[in-house]
Amino acid sequence: MAREEQVLDTRLATSRSCAELASDTIDELALGDSFVLIADHDPIGLQYMLQVERPGVVSWELLEDGPPHWRVRVHKEAVDAAR
């Protein structure tokens, strides 16, 4: 039976930033797994940050291009050797 894909909804009230939440979630993913990030703003800055800080580690698939919200699938493609 296939495992249900994790959803990270950053619209929920939290003291942690979208980038921190996504980074921690990526660290917890097994190679080949993914999660869907939901945000109330365009997460393009997070995409750029991941490309610079974790080149080749994740792929980014835009599922819904808001507003009012954005949905992106983040897929772990490689192990992050720096972590």
N, C-alpha and C. Protein backbone atom coordinates (compact mmCIF):
# COMPACT_ATOMS: atom_id res chain seq x y z
N MET A 1 0.85 -1.18 0.00
CA MET A 1 0.00 0.00 0.00
C MET A 1 0.90 1.25 0.00
N ALA A 2 0.59 2.19 -0.86
CA ALA A 2 1.38 3.42 -0.97
C ALA A 2 1.15 4.32 0.24
N ARG A 3 2.22 4.93 0.66
CA ARG A 3 2.15 5.85 1.79
C ARG A 3 1.56 7.18 1.34
N GLU A 4 0.75 7.80 2.19
CA GLU A 4 0.16 9.10 1.87
C GLU A 4 1.23 10.17 1.91
N GLU A 5 1.20 11.04 0.91
CA GLU A 5 2.20 12.11 0.82
C GLU A 5 2.00 13.13 1.94
N GLN A 6 3.09 13.52 2.55
CA GLN A 6 3.07 14.52 3.62
C GLN A 6 2.70 15.88 3.05
N VAL A 7 1.93 16.66 3.82
CA VAL A 7 1.57 18.03 3.45
C VAL A 7 2.12 18.97 4.51
N LEU A 8 2.83 20.00 4.06
CA LEU A 8 3.37 21.03 4.94
C LEU A 8 2.63 22.32 4.63
N ASP A 9 1.68 22.68 5.49
CA ASP A 9 0.86 23.87 5.28
C ASP A 9 1.45 25.01 6.10
N THR A 10 2.18 25.90 5.42
CA THR A 10 2.85 27.00 6.12
C THR A 10 1.91 28.16 6.40
N ARG A 11 0.65 28.04 5.99
CA ARG A 11 -0.32 29.09 6.30
C ARG A 11 -0.75 29.05 7.76
N LEU A 12 -0.53 27.92 8.40
CA LEU A 12 -0.90 27.77 9.79
C LEU A 12 0.02 28.62 10.66
N ALA A 13 -0.53 29.17 11.72
CA ALA A 13 0.24 30.05 12.60
C ALA A 13 1.42 29.28 13.21
N THR A 14 2.61 29.85 13.06
CA THR A 14 3.81 29.25 13.63
C THR A 14 4.87 30.34 13.80
N SER A 15 5.77 30.11 14.71
CA SER A 15 6.84 31.08 14.92
C SER A 15 8.02 30.79 13.99
N ARG A 16 7.98 29.66 13.27
CA ARG A 16 9.07 29.28 12.37
C ARG A 16 8.74 29.72 10.95
N SER A 17 9.76 30.07 10.21
CA SER A 17 9.58 30.53 8.84
C SER A 17 9.28 29.37 7.91
N CYS A 18 8.73 29.70 6.76
CA CYS A 18 8.46 28.72 5.71
C CYS A 18 9.75 27.99 5.34
N ALA A 19 10.85 28.73 5.23
CA ALA A 19 12.14 28.15 4.85
C ALA A 19 12.62 27.16 5.91
N GLU A 20 12.50 27.51 7.19
CA GLU A 20 12.92 26.60 8.26
C GLU A 20 12.09 25.32 8.26
N LEU A 21 10.78 25.48 8.12
CA LEU A 21 9.90 24.31 8.10
C LEU A 21 10.21 23.40 6.92
N ALA A 22 10.38 23.99 5.75
CA ALA A 22 10.68 23.19 4.56
C ALA A 22 12.03 22.50 4.70
N SER A 23 13.02 23.20 5.19
CA SER A 23 14.36 22.63 5.35
C SER A 23 14.33 21.43 6.30
N ASP A 24 13.65 21.58 7.42
CA ASP A 24 13.54 20.47 8.37
C ASP A 24 12.80 19.28 7.76
N THR A 25 11.76 19.57 6.99
CA THR A 25 10.99 18.50 6.36
C THR A 25 11.83 17.77 5.32
N ILE A 26 12.63 18.50 4.56
CA ILE A 26 13.53 17.87 3.58
C ILE A 26 14.52 16.96 4.29
N ASP A 27 15.05 17.41 5.42
CA ASP A 27 16.00 16.59 6.17
C ASP A 27 15.38 15.27 6.61
N GLU A 28 14.08 15.27 6.90
CA GLU A 28 13.39 14.08 7.39
C GLU A 28 12.97 13.13 6.27
N LEU A 29 12.96 13.61 5.03
CA LEU A 29 12.51 12.77 3.92
C LEU A 29 13.53 11.68 3.59
N ALA A 30 13.02 10.53 3.23
CA ALA A 30 13.87 9.48 2.68
C ALA A 30 14.11 9.81 1.21
N LEU A 31 15.20 9.35 0.68
CA LEU A 31 15.51 9.54 -0.72
C LEU A 31 14.36 9.02 -1.58
N GLY A 32 13.87 9.84 -2.50
CA GLY A 32 12.76 9.46 -3.36
C GLY A 32 11.40 9.89 -2.87
N ASP A 33 11.31 10.31 -1.62
CA ASP A 33 10.03 10.77 -1.07
C ASP A 33 9.80 12.24 -1.39
N SER A 34 8.57 12.69 -1.18
CA SER A 34 8.23 14.08 -1.45
C SER A 34 7.20 14.58 -0.44
N PHE A 35 7.00 15.88 -0.45
CA PHE A 35 5.93 16.48 0.33
C PHE A 35 5.34 17.62 -0.48
N VAL A 36 4.11 18.00 -0.13
CA VAL A 36 3.45 19.14 -0.77
C VAL A 36 3.48 20.30 0.20
N LEU A 37 4.06 21.40 -0.26
CA LEU A 37 4.12 22.62 0.53
C LEU A 37 2.97 23.52 0.10
N ILE A 38 2.23 24.05 1.07
CA ILE A 38 1.15 24.99 0.79
C ILE A 38 1.51 26.30 1.47
N ALA A 39 1.44 27.40 0.72
CA ALA A 39 1.82 28.72 1.26
C ALA A 39 0.80 29.76 0.84
N ASP A 40 0.74 30.84 1.62
CA ASP A 40 -0.16 31.96 1.29
C ASP A 40 0.57 33.04 0.49
N HIS A 41 1.79 32.74 0.09
CA HIS A 41 2.59 33.65 -0.73
C HIS A 41 3.39 32.81 -1.72
N ASP A 42 3.86 33.44 -2.77
CA ASP A 42 4.65 32.72 -3.76
C ASP A 42 5.96 32.27 -3.13
N PRO A 43 6.22 30.96 -3.07
CA PRO A 43 7.43 30.46 -2.41
C PRO A 43 8.66 30.45 -3.32
N ILE A 44 8.69 31.30 -4.33
CA ILE A 44 9.81 31.32 -5.28
C ILE A 44 11.14 31.59 -4.57
N GLY A 45 11.11 32.41 -3.52
CA GLY A 45 12.34 32.68 -2.76
C GLY A 45 12.88 31.41 -2.13
N LEU A 46 12.00 30.56 -1.65
CA LEU A 46 12.41 29.27 -1.07
C LEU A 46 13.02 28.39 -2.15
N GLN A 47 12.44 28.40 -3.32
CA GLN A 47 12.99 27.61 -4.43
C GLN A 47 14.41 28.07 -4.75
N TYR A 48 14.62 29.36 -4.85
CA TYR A 48 15.96 29.89 -5.13
C TYR A 48 16.94 29.53 -4.03
N MET A 49 16.50 29.64 -2.77
CA MET A 49 17.36 29.31 -1.64
C MET A 49 17.79 27.85 -1.70
N LEU A 50 16.84 26.96 -1.99
CA LEU A 50 17.17 25.53 -2.07
C LEU A 50 18.13 25.24 -3.22
N GLN A 51 17.97 25.93 -4.34
CA GLN A 51 18.87 25.74 -5.47
C GLN A 51 20.31 26.13 -5.11
N VAL A 52 20.46 27.16 -4.29
CA VAL A 52 21.78 27.64 -3.89
C VAL A 52 22.36 26.80 -2.75
N GLU A 53 21.55 26.56 -1.72
CA GLU A 53 22.04 25.89 -0.52
C GLU A 53 22.06 24.37 -0.64
N ARG A 54 21.20 23.81 -1.51
CA ARG A 54 21.10 22.35 -1.65
C ARG A 54 21.01 21.97 -3.12
N PRO A 55 22.01 22.35 -3.90
CA PRO A 55 21.93 22.07 -5.34
C PRO A 55 21.79 20.58 -5.63
N GLY A 56 20.81 20.24 -6.45
CA GLY A 56 20.60 18.86 -6.86
C GLY A 56 19.92 17.97 -5.85
N VAL A 57 19.61 18.49 -4.66
CA VAL A 57 19.03 17.66 -3.61
C VAL A 57 17.53 17.47 -3.81
N VAL A 58 16.81 18.53 -4.21
CA VAL A 58 15.36 18.43 -4.38
C VAL A 58 14.93 18.95 -5.75
N SER A 59 13.81 18.42 -6.20
CA SER A 59 13.15 18.98 -7.38
C SER A 59 11.90 19.71 -6.91
N TRP A 60 11.40 20.59 -7.75
CA TRP A 60 10.34 21.53 -7.39
C TRP A 60 9.28 21.46 -8.48
N GLU A 61 8.06 21.07 -8.13
CA GLU A 61 6.97 20.98 -9.09
C GLU A 61 5.81 21.88 -8.64
N LEU A 62 5.56 22.92 -9.39
CA LEU A 62 4.46 23.84 -9.07
C LEU A 62 3.14 23.15 -9.39
N LEU A 63 2.28 23.02 -8.38
CA LEU A 63 0.99 22.37 -8.55
C LEU A 63 -0.15 23.38 -8.67
N GLU A 64 -0.02 24.49 -7.94
CA GLU A 64 -1.06 25.53 -7.96
C GLU A 64 -0.38 26.88 -7.80
N ASP A 65 -0.61 27.76 -8.74
CA ASP A 65 0.05 29.07 -8.79
C ASP A 65 -0.93 30.16 -8.37
N GLY A 66 -1.12 30.30 -7.03
CA GLY A 66 -2.06 31.22 -6.40
C GLY A 66 -2.26 32.53 -7.11
N PRO A 67 -2.75 33.51 -6.47
CA PRO A 67 -3.37 33.47 -5.15
C PRO A 67 -4.75 32.80 -5.17
N PRO A 68 -5.27 32.44 -4.06
CA PRO A 68 -4.91 32.82 -2.70
C PRO A 68 -3.83 31.95 -2.07
N HIS A 69 -3.54 30.77 -2.66
CA HIS A 69 -2.45 29.98 -2.10
C HIS A 69 -1.70 29.27 -3.22
N TRP A 70 -0.50 28.85 -2.87
CA TRP A 70 0.41 28.16 -3.79
C TRP A 70 0.64 26.76 -3.25
N ARG A 71 0.72 25.80 -4.14
CA ARG A 71 1.03 24.42 -3.78
C ARG A 71 2.20 23.96 -4.63
N VAL A 72 3.18 23.37 -3.97
CA VAL A 72 4.40 22.91 -4.64
C VAL A 72 4.75 21.52 -4.12
N ARG A 73 5.13 20.62 -5.01
CA ARG A 73 5.64 19.32 -4.58
C ARG A 73 7.16 19.42 -4.55
N VAL A 74 7.74 19.09 -3.42
CA VAL A 74 9.19 19.08 -3.24
C VAL A 74 9.59 17.61 -3.11
N HIS A 75 10.44 17.17 -4.03
CA HIS A 75 10.82 15.76 -4.11
C HIS A 75 12.32 15.65 -3.83
N LYS A 76 12.68 14.75 -2.90
CA LYS A 76 14.08 14.56 -2.54
C LYS A 76 14.76 13.66 -3.57
N GLU A 77 15.67 14.24 -4.34
CA GLU A 77 16.34 13.55 -5.44
C GLU A 77 17.70 12.97 -5.04
N ALA A 78 18.33 13.54 -4.03
CA ALA A 78 19.68 13.11 -3.64
C ALA A 78 19.89 13.38 -2.15
N VAL A 79 20.87 12.73 -1.60
CA VAL A 79 21.24 12.95 -0.20
C VAL A 79 22.05 14.23 -0.14
N ASP A 80 21.77 15.05 0.85
CA ASP A 80 22.49 16.31 1.04
C ASP A 80 23.76 16.01 1.83
N ALA A 81 24.88 15.97 1.14
CA ALA A 81 26.15 15.62 1.77
C ALA A 81 26.61 16.62 2.82
N ALA A 82 26.13 17.86 2.74
CA ALA A 82 26.53 18.90 3.67
C ALA A 82 25.80 18.78 5.01
N ARG A 83 24.81 17.92 5.10
CA ARG A 83 24.03 17.81 6.35
C ARG A 83 24.26 16.53 7.06
